[in-house]
N, C-alpha and C. Protein backbone atom coordinates (compact mmCIF):
# COMPACT_ATOMS: atom_id res chain seq x y z
N UNK A 1 9.53 -18.17 12.69
CA UNK A 1 9.15 -16.97 11.91
C UNK A 1 9.22 -17.30 10.43
N UNK A 2 8.21 -16.95 9.64
CA UNK A 2 8.23 -17.27 8.21
C UNK A 2 9.38 -16.57 7.51
N UNK A 3 9.98 -17.27 6.55
CA UNK A 3 11.06 -16.65 5.80
C UNK A 3 10.50 -15.67 4.79
N UNK A 4 11.31 -14.66 4.45
CA UNK A 4 10.87 -13.65 3.49
C UNK A 4 11.13 -14.15 2.08
N UNK A 5 10.11 -14.10 1.25
CA UNK A 5 10.27 -14.47 -0.15
C UNK A 5 9.28 -13.68 -0.97
N UNK A 6 9.68 -13.23 -2.14
CA UNK A 6 8.80 -12.52 -3.05
C UNK A 6 8.39 -13.48 -4.16
N UNK A 7 7.08 -13.65 -4.33
CA UNK A 7 6.57 -14.61 -5.29
C UNK A 7 5.96 -13.87 -6.47
N UNK A 8 6.67 -13.86 -7.57
CA UNK A 8 6.13 -13.34 -8.82
C UNK A 8 6.19 -14.48 -9.82
N UNK A 9 5.08 -15.22 -9.94
CA UNK A 9 5.11 -16.49 -10.66
C UNK A 9 5.06 -16.31 -12.17
N UNK A 10 4.52 -15.21 -12.64
CA UNK A 10 4.37 -14.99 -14.06
C UNK A 10 5.51 -14.10 -14.56
N UNK A 11 6.45 -14.62 -15.39
CA UNK A 11 7.59 -13.81 -15.84
C UNK A 11 7.16 -12.57 -16.60
N UNK A 12 6.11 -12.68 -17.42
CA UNK A 12 5.63 -11.52 -18.16
C UNK A 12 5.11 -10.45 -17.21
N UNK A 13 4.36 -10.86 -16.20
CA UNK A 13 3.85 -9.93 -15.21
C UNK A 13 5.00 -9.28 -14.45
N UNK A 14 6.02 -10.06 -14.13
CA UNK A 14 7.18 -9.52 -13.41
C UNK A 14 7.87 -8.45 -14.24
N UNK A 15 8.10 -8.72 -15.53
CA UNK A 15 8.75 -7.73 -16.39
C UNK A 15 7.90 -6.48 -16.52
N UNK A 16 6.58 -6.66 -16.69
CA UNK A 16 5.68 -5.51 -16.81
C UNK A 16 5.73 -4.65 -15.56
N UNK A 17 5.71 -5.30 -14.41
CA UNK A 17 5.74 -4.57 -13.14
C UNK A 17 7.04 -3.79 -12.98
N UNK A 18 8.16 -4.42 -13.28
CA UNK A 18 9.45 -3.76 -13.14
C UNK A 18 9.60 -2.61 -14.13
N UNK A 19 9.16 -2.80 -15.37
CA UNK A 19 9.23 -1.73 -16.36
C UNK A 19 8.35 -0.55 -15.97
N UNK A 20 7.16 -0.85 -15.44
CA UNK A 20 6.26 0.22 -15.01
C UNK A 20 6.88 1.00 -13.86
N UNK A 21 7.52 0.29 -12.93
CA UNK A 21 8.16 0.96 -11.81
C UNK A 21 9.31 1.84 -12.28
N UNK A 22 10.14 1.33 -13.19
CA UNK A 22 11.25 2.13 -13.71
C UNK A 22 10.76 3.34 -14.49
N UNK A 23 9.69 3.16 -15.26
CA UNK A 23 9.12 4.29 -16.01
C UNK A 23 8.65 5.38 -15.06
N UNK A 24 8.01 4.98 -13.96
CA UNK A 24 7.53 5.97 -13.00
C UNK A 24 8.69 6.72 -12.37
N UNK A 25 9.74 5.99 -11.96
CA UNK A 25 10.89 6.64 -11.33
C UNK A 25 11.55 7.63 -12.27
N UNK A 26 11.80 7.23 -13.52
CA UNK A 26 12.43 8.14 -14.47
C UNK A 26 11.53 9.32 -14.82
N UNK A 27 10.21 9.09 -14.86
CA UNK A 27 9.28 10.19 -15.14
C UNK A 27 9.32 11.23 -14.03
N UNK A 28 9.33 10.75 -12.78
CA UNK A 28 9.38 11.68 -11.66
C UNK A 28 10.69 12.47 -11.66
N UNK A 29 11.78 11.79 -11.96
CA UNK A 29 13.07 12.48 -12.02
C UNK A 29 13.09 13.54 -13.11
N UNK A 30 12.52 13.24 -14.28
CA UNK A 30 12.52 14.19 -15.38
C UNK A 30 11.67 15.41 -15.07
N UNK A 31 10.54 15.21 -14.35
CA UNK A 31 9.73 16.35 -13.96
C UNK A 31 10.51 17.29 -13.05
N UNK A 32 11.24 16.70 -12.09
CA UNK A 32 12.02 17.53 -11.19
C UNK A 32 13.13 18.27 -11.90
N UNK A 33 13.84 17.59 -12.79
CA UNK A 33 14.95 18.21 -13.50
C UNK A 33 14.47 19.26 -14.48
N UNK A 34 13.25 19.12 -14.98
CA UNK A 34 12.73 20.07 -15.95
C UNK A 34 12.09 21.29 -15.29
N UNK A 35 12.19 21.38 -13.96
CA UNK A 35 11.64 22.54 -13.28
C UNK A 35 10.17 22.40 -12.94
N UNK A 36 9.65 21.14 -12.96
CA UNK A 36 8.26 20.91 -12.59
C UNK A 36 8.09 20.97 -11.08
N UNK A 37 7.02 20.40 -10.61
CA UNK A 37 6.70 20.49 -9.19
C UNK A 37 7.66 19.71 -8.31
N UNK A 38 8.27 18.67 -8.82
CA UNK A 38 9.30 17.98 -8.06
C UNK A 38 8.99 16.53 -7.75
N UNK A 39 9.97 15.88 -7.14
CA UNK A 39 9.85 14.48 -6.75
C UNK A 39 10.73 14.27 -5.53
N UNK A 40 10.59 13.10 -4.91
CA UNK A 40 11.39 12.85 -3.72
C UNK A 40 11.19 11.44 -3.19
N UNK A 41 11.63 11.25 -1.96
CA UNK A 41 11.54 9.98 -1.27
C UNK A 41 10.53 10.08 -0.14
N UNK A 42 10.01 8.92 0.27
CA UNK A 42 9.07 8.92 1.39
C UNK A 42 9.20 7.61 2.16
N UNK A 43 8.82 7.66 3.44
CA UNK A 43 8.80 6.48 4.30
C UNK A 43 7.83 6.76 5.44
N UNK A 44 7.44 5.72 6.15
CA UNK A 44 6.53 5.94 7.27
C UNK A 44 5.99 4.65 7.84
N UNK A 45 4.96 4.80 8.67
CA UNK A 45 4.36 3.69 9.39
C UNK A 45 2.91 3.47 8.96
N UNK A 46 2.50 2.21 8.98
CA UNK A 46 1.14 1.82 8.61
C UNK A 46 0.47 1.15 9.81
N UNK A 47 -0.70 1.66 10.19
CA UNK A 47 -1.49 1.07 11.28
C UNK A 47 -2.72 0.44 10.63
N UNK A 48 -2.74 -0.88 10.58
CA UNK A 48 -3.68 -1.54 9.69
C UNK A 48 -4.38 -2.73 10.32
N UNK A 49 -5.52 -3.09 9.72
CA UNK A 49 -6.12 -4.40 9.90
C UNK A 49 -6.44 -4.94 8.51
N UNK A 50 -6.33 -6.24 8.35
CA UNK A 50 -6.83 -6.88 7.14
C UNK A 50 -8.28 -7.30 7.39
N UNK A 51 -8.87 -8.00 6.43
CA UNK A 51 -10.26 -8.40 6.59
C UNK A 51 -10.42 -9.54 7.58
N UNK A 52 -11.67 -9.99 7.73
CA UNK A 52 -11.98 -11.03 8.71
C UNK A 52 -11.47 -12.40 8.25
N UNK A 53 -11.21 -13.25 9.23
CA UNK A 53 -10.98 -14.67 9.00
C UNK A 53 -12.35 -15.34 9.04
N UNK A 54 -12.79 -15.89 7.90
CA UNK A 54 -14.17 -16.35 7.76
C UNK A 54 -14.25 -17.87 7.81
N UNK A 55 -15.22 -18.39 8.58
CA UNK A 55 -15.48 -19.81 8.72
C UNK A 55 -16.88 -20.12 8.18
N UNK A 56 -17.03 -21.28 7.54
CA UNK A 56 -18.35 -21.69 7.05
C UNK A 56 -19.30 -22.00 8.20
N UNK A 57 -18.77 -22.58 9.29
CA UNK A 57 -19.63 -23.07 10.38
C UNK A 57 -19.47 -22.29 11.68
N UNK A 58 -18.54 -21.33 11.75
CA UNK A 58 -18.27 -20.61 12.98
C UNK A 58 -18.31 -19.11 12.73
N UNK A 59 -18.42 -18.29 13.80
CA UNK A 59 -18.39 -16.84 13.62
C UNK A 59 -17.05 -16.36 13.06
N UNK A 60 -17.09 -15.27 12.32
CA UNK A 60 -15.86 -14.69 11.78
C UNK A 60 -14.96 -14.21 12.90
N UNK A 61 -13.64 -14.21 12.64
CA UNK A 61 -12.66 -13.69 13.58
C UNK A 61 -12.16 -12.34 13.07
N UNK A 62 -12.33 -11.31 13.90
CA UNK A 62 -11.86 -9.98 13.54
C UNK A 62 -10.40 -9.82 13.96
N UNK A 63 -9.56 -9.23 13.11
CA UNK A 63 -8.15 -9.09 13.46
C UNK A 63 -7.89 -7.91 14.39
N UNK A 64 -6.80 -8.00 15.14
CA UNK A 64 -6.30 -6.87 15.90
C UNK A 64 -5.41 -6.01 15.00
N UNK A 65 -5.33 -4.73 15.32
CA UNK A 65 -4.52 -3.80 14.52
C UNK A 65 -3.04 -4.15 14.60
N UNK A 66 -2.39 -4.12 13.46
CA UNK A 66 -0.96 -4.35 13.39
C UNK A 66 -0.23 -3.09 12.92
N UNK A 67 1.08 -3.11 13.05
CA UNK A 67 1.91 -1.98 12.63
C UNK A 67 2.87 -2.45 11.55
N UNK A 68 2.92 -1.72 10.45
CA UNK A 68 3.84 -2.02 9.37
C UNK A 68 4.61 -0.78 8.96
N UNK A 69 5.22 -0.86 7.80
CA UNK A 69 6.01 0.27 7.32
C UNK A 69 5.93 0.35 5.81
N UNK A 70 6.35 1.50 5.26
CA UNK A 70 6.43 1.67 3.81
C UNK A 70 7.62 2.55 3.48
N UNK A 71 8.12 2.40 2.25
CA UNK A 71 9.22 3.22 1.74
C UNK A 71 9.08 3.30 0.23
N UNK A 72 9.34 4.47 -0.35
CA UNK A 72 9.17 4.59 -1.79
C UNK A 72 9.54 5.95 -2.33
N UNK A 73 9.04 6.23 -3.54
CA UNK A 73 9.30 7.50 -4.22
C UNK A 73 7.96 8.14 -4.58
N UNK A 74 7.97 9.46 -4.79
CA UNK A 74 6.76 10.18 -5.13
C UNK A 74 7.10 11.30 -6.10
N UNK A 75 6.08 11.79 -6.79
CA UNK A 75 6.22 12.95 -7.64
C UNK A 75 4.99 13.82 -7.54
N UNK A 76 5.16 15.11 -7.76
CA UNK A 76 4.01 16.02 -7.74
C UNK A 76 4.02 16.85 -9.01
N UNK A 77 2.91 16.84 -9.73
CA UNK A 77 2.78 17.52 -11.00
C UNK A 77 1.67 18.56 -10.88
N UNK A 78 2.02 19.82 -11.01
CA UNK A 78 1.02 20.88 -10.90
C UNK A 78 1.40 21.90 -9.85
N UNK A 79 0.48 22.84 -9.60
CA UNK A 79 0.72 23.90 -8.65
C UNK A 79 -0.22 23.80 -7.47
N UNK A 80 -1.18 24.74 -7.39
CA UNK A 80 -2.15 24.69 -6.31
C UNK A 80 -2.99 23.42 -6.41
N UNK A 81 -3.46 23.10 -7.59
CA UNK A 81 -4.07 21.80 -7.86
C UNK A 81 -3.01 20.89 -8.47
N UNK A 82 -2.92 19.67 -8.00
CA UNK A 82 -1.81 18.82 -8.43
C UNK A 82 -2.22 17.36 -8.51
N UNK A 83 -1.37 16.58 -9.19
CA UNK A 83 -1.46 15.12 -9.19
C UNK A 83 -0.19 14.58 -8.56
N UNK A 84 -0.34 13.58 -7.70
CA UNK A 84 0.82 13.01 -7.00
C UNK A 84 0.82 11.49 -7.15
N UNK A 85 1.57 10.96 -8.12
CA UNK A 85 1.75 9.50 -8.19
C UNK A 85 2.87 9.07 -7.24
N UNK A 86 2.74 7.86 -6.72
CA UNK A 86 3.76 7.32 -5.82
C UNK A 86 4.01 5.86 -6.18
N UNK A 87 5.20 5.38 -5.88
CA UNK A 87 5.53 3.96 -5.98
C UNK A 87 6.13 3.55 -4.64
N UNK A 88 5.45 2.65 -3.92
CA UNK A 88 5.77 2.39 -2.53
C UNK A 88 5.82 0.89 -2.25
N UNK A 89 6.88 0.44 -1.56
CA UNK A 89 6.93 -0.92 -1.03
C UNK A 89 6.36 -0.89 0.38
N UNK A 90 5.42 -1.81 0.68
CA UNK A 90 4.71 -1.80 1.95
C UNK A 90 4.71 -3.19 2.58
N UNK A 91 4.94 -3.23 3.89
CA UNK A 91 4.76 -4.44 4.68
C UNK A 91 3.74 -4.15 5.77
N UNK A 92 2.71 -4.99 5.88
CA UNK A 92 1.69 -4.82 6.91
C UNK A 92 1.42 -6.17 7.58
N UNK A 93 0.78 -6.13 8.76
CA UNK A 93 0.47 -7.36 9.47
C UNK A 93 -0.80 -7.18 10.29
N UNK A 94 -1.48 -8.30 10.56
CA UNK A 94 -2.66 -8.33 11.43
C UNK A 94 -2.58 -9.59 12.29
N UNK A 95 -3.19 -9.53 13.47
CA UNK A 95 -3.16 -10.65 14.41
C UNK A 95 -4.55 -11.27 14.53
N UNK A 96 -4.63 -12.60 14.30
CA UNK A 96 -5.88 -13.35 14.41
C UNK A 96 -5.76 -14.35 15.56
N UNK A 97 -6.19 -13.94 16.75
CA UNK A 97 -6.14 -14.81 17.93
C UNK A 97 -4.75 -15.43 18.11
N UNK A 98 -3.73 -14.61 18.01
CA UNK A 98 -2.37 -15.07 18.25
C UNK A 98 -1.60 -15.50 17.03
N UNK A 99 -2.27 -15.64 15.88
CA UNK A 99 -1.58 -15.99 14.64
C UNK A 99 -1.41 -14.72 13.80
N UNK A 100 -0.18 -14.45 13.39
CA UNK A 100 0.14 -13.21 12.69
C UNK A 100 0.11 -13.41 11.19
N UNK A 101 -0.70 -12.61 10.52
CA UNK A 101 -0.75 -12.60 9.06
C UNK A 101 0.08 -11.43 8.56
N UNK A 102 0.97 -11.69 7.59
CA UNK A 102 1.82 -10.65 7.02
C UNK A 102 1.60 -10.56 5.52
N UNK A 103 1.62 -9.35 5.01
CA UNK A 103 1.50 -9.14 3.56
C UNK A 103 2.51 -8.11 3.11
N UNK A 104 3.17 -8.41 2.00
CA UNK A 104 4.13 -7.50 1.39
C UNK A 104 3.62 -7.16 0.00
N UNK A 105 3.65 -5.87 -0.36
CA UNK A 105 3.04 -5.47 -1.62
C UNK A 105 3.69 -4.22 -2.17
N UNK A 106 3.47 -3.99 -3.46
CA UNK A 106 3.83 -2.74 -4.10
C UNK A 106 2.56 -1.91 -4.27
N UNK A 107 2.61 -0.67 -3.84
CA UNK A 107 1.47 0.23 -3.95
C UNK A 107 1.76 1.33 -4.96
N UNK A 108 0.75 1.68 -5.75
CA UNK A 108 0.85 2.78 -6.69
C UNK A 108 -0.36 3.70 -6.51
N UNK A 109 -0.33 4.58 -5.48
CA UNK A 109 -1.40 5.57 -5.36
C UNK A 109 -1.27 6.64 -6.45
N UNK A 110 -2.39 7.08 -6.97
CA UNK A 110 -2.43 8.21 -7.90
C UNK A 110 -3.40 9.22 -7.28
N UNK A 111 -2.83 10.21 -6.62
CA UNK A 111 -3.61 11.12 -5.78
C UNK A 111 -3.81 12.47 -6.47
N UNK A 112 -4.99 13.05 -6.26
CA UNK A 112 -5.31 14.36 -6.79
C UNK A 112 -5.59 15.27 -5.61
N UNK A 113 -4.85 16.38 -5.54
CA UNK A 113 -4.92 17.21 -4.36
C UNK A 113 -5.00 18.69 -4.64
N UNK A 114 -5.09 19.45 -3.54
CA UNK A 114 -5.18 20.90 -3.62
C UNK A 114 -4.45 21.49 -2.41
N UNK A 115 -3.62 22.48 -2.67
CA UNK A 115 -2.91 23.19 -1.61
C UNK A 115 -3.73 24.37 -1.13
N UNK A 116 -3.61 24.71 0.16
CA UNK A 116 -4.28 25.89 0.69
C UNK A 116 -3.46 26.47 1.84
N UNK A 117 -3.57 27.77 2.02
CA UNK A 117 -2.81 28.51 3.04
C UNK A 117 -1.30 28.28 2.93
N UNK A 118 -0.86 28.01 1.71
CA UNK A 118 0.58 27.92 1.45
C UNK A 118 1.22 26.59 1.76
N UNK A 119 0.98 26.06 2.95
CA UNK A 119 1.72 24.86 3.36
C UNK A 119 0.84 23.63 3.55
N UNK A 120 -0.48 23.79 3.60
CA UNK A 120 -1.37 22.66 3.84
C UNK A 120 -1.92 22.11 2.52
N UNK A 121 -2.29 20.84 2.54
CA UNK A 121 -2.89 20.25 1.35
C UNK A 121 -3.75 19.06 1.72
N UNK A 122 -4.75 18.78 0.88
CA UNK A 122 -5.59 17.61 1.01
C UNK A 122 -5.62 16.87 -0.31
N UNK A 123 -5.92 15.56 -0.26
CA UNK A 123 -5.86 14.76 -1.49
C UNK A 123 -6.76 13.54 -1.38
N UNK A 124 -7.08 12.98 -2.53
CA UNK A 124 -7.88 11.76 -2.63
C UNK A 124 -7.53 11.08 -3.96
N UNK A 125 -7.63 9.76 -4.01
CA UNK A 125 -7.37 9.07 -5.27
C UNK A 125 -7.31 7.57 -5.10
N UNK A 126 -7.26 6.85 -6.22
CA UNK A 126 -7.16 5.39 -6.18
C UNK A 126 -5.76 4.95 -5.79
N UNK A 127 -5.68 3.78 -5.16
CA UNK A 127 -4.39 3.17 -4.81
C UNK A 127 -4.37 1.76 -5.38
N UNK A 128 -3.54 1.55 -6.38
CA UNK A 128 -3.40 0.24 -7.00
C UNK A 128 -2.33 -0.54 -6.25
N UNK A 129 -2.57 -1.83 -6.02
CA UNK A 129 -1.58 -2.62 -5.30
C UNK A 129 -1.33 -3.95 -6.00
N UNK A 130 -0.09 -4.40 -5.88
CA UNK A 130 0.29 -5.72 -6.38
C UNK A 130 0.84 -6.52 -5.20
N UNK A 131 0.17 -7.61 -4.85
CA UNK A 131 0.57 -8.43 -3.70
C UNK A 131 1.80 -9.25 -4.09
N UNK A 132 2.88 -9.08 -3.32
CA UNK A 132 4.11 -9.81 -3.58
C UNK A 132 4.14 -11.13 -2.83
N UNK A 133 3.72 -11.11 -1.55
CA UNK A 133 3.88 -12.29 -0.71
C UNK A 133 2.94 -12.21 0.48
N UNK A 134 2.38 -13.35 0.90
CA UNK A 134 1.56 -13.42 2.10
C UNK A 134 2.01 -14.59 2.96
N UNK A 135 1.96 -14.40 4.29
CA UNK A 135 2.31 -15.46 5.24
C UNK A 135 1.34 -15.42 6.40
N UNK A 136 0.90 -16.59 6.87
CA UNK A 136 0.15 -16.72 8.10
C UNK A 136 0.94 -17.63 9.01
N UNK A 137 1.37 -17.10 10.13
CA UNK A 137 2.32 -17.78 11.01
C UNK A 137 1.84 -19.18 11.39
N UNK A 138 2.71 -20.17 11.13
CA UNK A 138 2.49 -21.57 11.52
C UNK A 138 1.35 -22.26 10.77
N UNK A 139 0.80 -21.61 9.74
CA UNK A 139 -0.33 -22.20 9.00
C UNK A 139 -0.07 -22.09 7.51
N UNK A 140 -0.34 -23.17 6.78
CA UNK A 140 -0.18 -23.16 5.32
C UNK A 140 -1.38 -22.47 4.68
N UNK A 141 -1.09 -21.55 3.77
CA UNK A 141 -2.15 -20.82 3.09
C UNK A 141 -1.93 -20.89 1.58
N UNK A 142 -3.00 -20.68 0.84
CA UNK A 142 -2.91 -20.64 -0.61
C UNK A 142 -2.58 -19.24 -1.10
N UNK A 143 -2.64 -19.07 -2.42
CA UNK A 143 -2.40 -17.76 -3.02
C UNK A 143 -3.66 -16.91 -2.95
N UNK A 144 -3.47 -15.61 -2.97
CA UNK A 144 -4.62 -14.70 -3.00
C UNK A 144 -5.34 -14.86 -4.34
N UNK A 145 -6.65 -14.53 -4.33
CA UNK A 145 -7.43 -14.64 -5.55
C UNK A 145 -6.91 -13.69 -6.62
N UNK A 146 -6.57 -12.47 -6.22
CA UNK A 146 -6.12 -11.44 -7.17
C UNK A 146 -4.85 -10.78 -6.66
N UNK A 147 -3.78 -10.87 -7.46
CA UNK A 147 -2.55 -10.16 -7.10
C UNK A 147 -2.71 -8.65 -7.24
N UNK A 148 -3.50 -8.23 -8.25
CA UNK A 148 -3.77 -6.81 -8.46
C UNK A 148 -5.11 -6.45 -7.84
N UNK A 149 -5.13 -5.42 -6.98
CA UNK A 149 -6.37 -4.93 -6.39
C UNK A 149 -6.34 -3.40 -6.37
N UNK A 150 -7.48 -2.81 -6.04
CA UNK A 150 -7.60 -1.35 -6.02
C UNK A 150 -8.23 -0.92 -4.70
N UNK A 151 -7.69 0.14 -4.11
CA UNK A 151 -8.26 0.74 -2.93
C UNK A 151 -8.45 2.23 -3.14
N UNK A 152 -8.84 2.91 -2.08
CA UNK A 152 -9.04 4.36 -2.12
C UNK A 152 -8.29 4.99 -0.96
N UNK A 153 -7.55 6.06 -1.24
CA UNK A 153 -6.85 6.81 -0.21
C UNK A 153 -7.39 8.23 -0.14
N UNK A 154 -7.49 8.75 1.09
CA UNK A 154 -7.88 10.13 1.32
C UNK A 154 -7.11 10.65 2.52
N UNK A 155 -6.63 11.89 2.44
CA UNK A 155 -5.84 12.40 3.54
C UNK A 155 -5.42 13.83 3.35
N UNK A 156 -4.47 14.25 4.15
CA UNK A 156 -3.97 15.61 4.09
C UNK A 156 -2.62 15.70 4.77
N UNK A 157 -1.99 16.88 4.64
CA UNK A 157 -0.68 17.03 5.23
C UNK A 157 -0.21 18.46 5.22
N UNK A 158 1.06 18.60 5.60
CA UNK A 158 1.69 19.91 5.67
C UNK A 158 3.09 19.80 5.09
N UNK A 159 3.51 20.81 4.33
CA UNK A 159 4.85 20.86 3.76
C UNK A 159 5.63 21.98 4.43
N UNK A 160 6.78 21.63 4.99
CA UNK A 160 7.66 22.59 5.66
C UNK A 160 8.99 22.60 4.93
N UNK A 161 9.09 23.44 3.91
CA UNK A 161 10.29 23.44 3.07
C UNK A 161 10.36 22.16 2.27
N UNK A 162 11.47 21.45 2.40
CA UNK A 162 11.66 20.19 1.67
C UNK A 162 11.03 19.00 2.39
N UNK A 163 10.57 19.19 3.60
CA UNK A 163 10.01 18.11 4.40
C UNK A 163 8.49 18.16 4.35
N UNK A 164 7.88 17.01 4.13
CA UNK A 164 6.43 16.89 4.14
C UNK A 164 5.97 15.83 5.12
N UNK A 165 4.85 16.09 5.79
CA UNK A 165 4.25 15.12 6.69
C UNK A 165 2.79 14.97 6.29
N UNK A 166 2.32 13.72 6.14
CA UNK A 166 0.91 13.54 5.83
C UNK A 166 0.35 12.32 6.53
N UNK A 167 -0.95 12.32 6.71
CA UNK A 167 -1.66 11.17 7.25
C UNK A 167 -2.83 10.89 6.32
N UNK A 168 -3.04 9.62 6.05
CA UNK A 168 -4.09 9.24 5.10
C UNK A 168 -4.80 7.97 5.56
N UNK A 169 -6.01 7.80 5.07
CA UNK A 169 -6.80 6.59 5.32
C UNK A 169 -6.93 5.83 4.02
N UNK A 170 -6.73 4.51 4.08
CA UNK A 170 -6.87 3.67 2.89
C UNK A 170 -7.83 2.54 3.18
N UNK A 171 -8.67 2.25 2.20
CA UNK A 171 -9.61 1.14 2.30
C UNK A 171 -9.62 0.38 0.99
N UNK A 172 -9.43 -0.94 1.06
CA UNK A 172 -9.57 -1.77 -0.12
C UNK A 172 -11.01 -1.79 -0.59
N UNK A 173 -11.22 -1.74 -1.90
CA UNK A 173 -12.57 -1.60 -2.43
C UNK A 173 -13.31 -2.92 -2.62
N UNK A 174 -12.58 -4.03 -2.70
CA UNK A 174 -13.26 -5.31 -2.89
C UNK A 174 -12.53 -6.41 -2.12
N UNK A 175 -13.25 -7.43 -1.62
CA UNK A 175 -12.60 -8.53 -0.90
C UNK A 175 -11.58 -9.24 -1.78
N UNK A 176 -10.53 -9.76 -1.15
CA UNK A 176 -9.51 -10.51 -1.86
C UNK A 176 -9.09 -11.68 -0.97
N UNK A 177 -9.68 -12.85 -1.21
CA UNK A 177 -9.54 -13.97 -0.28
C UNK A 177 -8.35 -14.87 -0.62
N UNK A 178 -7.85 -15.53 0.43
CA UNK A 178 -6.97 -16.68 0.26
C UNK A 178 -7.49 -17.80 1.14
N UNK A 179 -7.22 -19.03 0.72
CA UNK A 179 -7.73 -20.20 1.42
C UNK A 179 -6.73 -20.67 2.48
N UNK A 180 -7.26 -21.14 3.61
CA UNK A 180 -6.44 -21.80 4.63
C UNK A 180 -6.38 -23.28 4.26
N UNK A 181 -5.21 -23.75 3.86
CA UNK A 181 -5.11 -25.08 3.27
C UNK A 181 -5.33 -26.20 4.29
N UNK A 182 -4.98 -25.95 5.56
CA UNK A 182 -5.05 -27.01 6.56
C UNK A 182 -6.49 -27.25 7.06
N UNK A 183 -7.39 -26.27 6.84
CA UNK A 183 -8.75 -26.37 7.38
C UNK A 183 -9.74 -26.06 6.27
N UNK A 184 -10.62 -27.00 5.98
CA UNK A 184 -11.60 -26.79 4.92
C UNK A 184 -12.66 -25.78 5.36
N UNK A 185 -13.06 -24.93 4.43
CA UNK A 185 -14.11 -23.97 4.72
C UNK A 185 -13.66 -22.74 5.47
N UNK A 186 -12.37 -22.43 5.42
CA UNK A 186 -11.84 -21.25 6.10
C UNK A 186 -11.08 -20.41 5.09
N UNK A 187 -11.32 -19.12 5.09
CA UNK A 187 -10.62 -18.22 4.18
C UNK A 187 -10.42 -16.87 4.86
N UNK A 188 -9.42 -16.15 4.38
CA UNK A 188 -9.02 -14.88 4.98
C UNK A 188 -9.12 -13.77 3.94
N UNK A 189 -9.77 -12.69 4.31
CA UNK A 189 -9.88 -11.52 3.43
C UNK A 189 -8.64 -10.65 3.64
N UNK A 190 -7.77 -10.59 2.65
CA UNK A 190 -6.51 -9.86 2.79
C UNK A 190 -6.67 -8.36 2.60
N UNK A 191 -7.84 -7.89 2.25
CA UNK A 191 -8.07 -6.47 1.97
C UNK A 191 -7.69 -5.61 3.16
N UNK A 192 -6.78 -4.63 2.98
CA UNK A 192 -6.35 -3.82 4.12
C UNK A 192 -7.25 -2.62 4.36
N UNK A 193 -7.38 -2.27 5.63
CA UNK A 193 -7.92 -0.99 6.07
C UNK A 193 -6.87 -0.38 6.96
N UNK A 194 -6.39 0.82 6.63
CA UNK A 194 -5.25 1.32 7.37
C UNK A 194 -5.18 2.85 7.42
N UNK A 195 -4.54 3.33 8.49
CA UNK A 195 -4.10 4.71 8.59
C UNK A 195 -2.60 4.73 8.32
N UNK A 196 -2.17 5.64 7.46
CA UNK A 196 -0.78 5.68 7.00
C UNK A 196 -0.18 7.02 7.38
N UNK A 197 0.88 6.98 8.17
CA UNK A 197 1.61 8.19 8.55
C UNK A 197 2.90 8.25 7.75
N UNK A 198 3.09 9.30 6.96
CA UNK A 198 4.23 9.37 6.06
C UNK A 198 5.08 10.61 6.25
N UNK A 199 6.36 10.44 6.02
CA UNK A 199 7.33 11.53 6.02
C UNK A 199 8.01 11.55 4.67
N UNK A 200 8.04 12.69 4.00
CA UNK A 200 8.61 12.77 2.66
C UNK A 200 9.69 13.85 2.59
N UNK A 201 10.57 13.68 1.63
CA UNK A 201 11.64 14.65 1.37
C UNK A 201 11.63 15.00 -0.11
N UNK A 202 11.66 16.28 -0.43
CA UNK A 202 11.65 16.74 -1.80
C UNK A 202 13.04 17.14 -2.24
N UNK A 203 13.47 16.64 -3.40
CA UNK A 203 14.77 17.01 -3.95
C UNK A 203 14.70 18.37 -4.65
């Protein structure tokens, strides 16, 4: 089994990422303390596939759906119409003919939504991600082309007091390849397509 390691090779990028994350957390806390819409914690499951494993001379290999998880913080700014930024750590995986690809990343969705009938809501917005680490079981791989990528999330949910449940669909907007080092002419599209089931708690 591949060992877990977080690869942030650029110290400036690492500091920027950590400062941005801390700024978001403190901003969400200040909104809640100031009597705004609130903030809280969230966690859940991700049902995902990454992109195809592409060969120059052979047909592409489509992945089987994998199951991952996420955990993070969220904030909601507004009333009936609202903005909901989140900061989430996510682990996902896909299976390519018995070889498991794993990706660990930080996600920053910025969702715009609307409440209706008191407890229901729908939302849509961009999801920015920073790839922390990738592994393909038993195979050496290179780095992804872009650590920063953008996707789109759309979904809805229900709020029952302090507890919220939502389901959303996410799709990466552009391919993000990594090279298979052991085999020339083979690359893997790490772009995720996933359904995300989340449970949140509001402070």
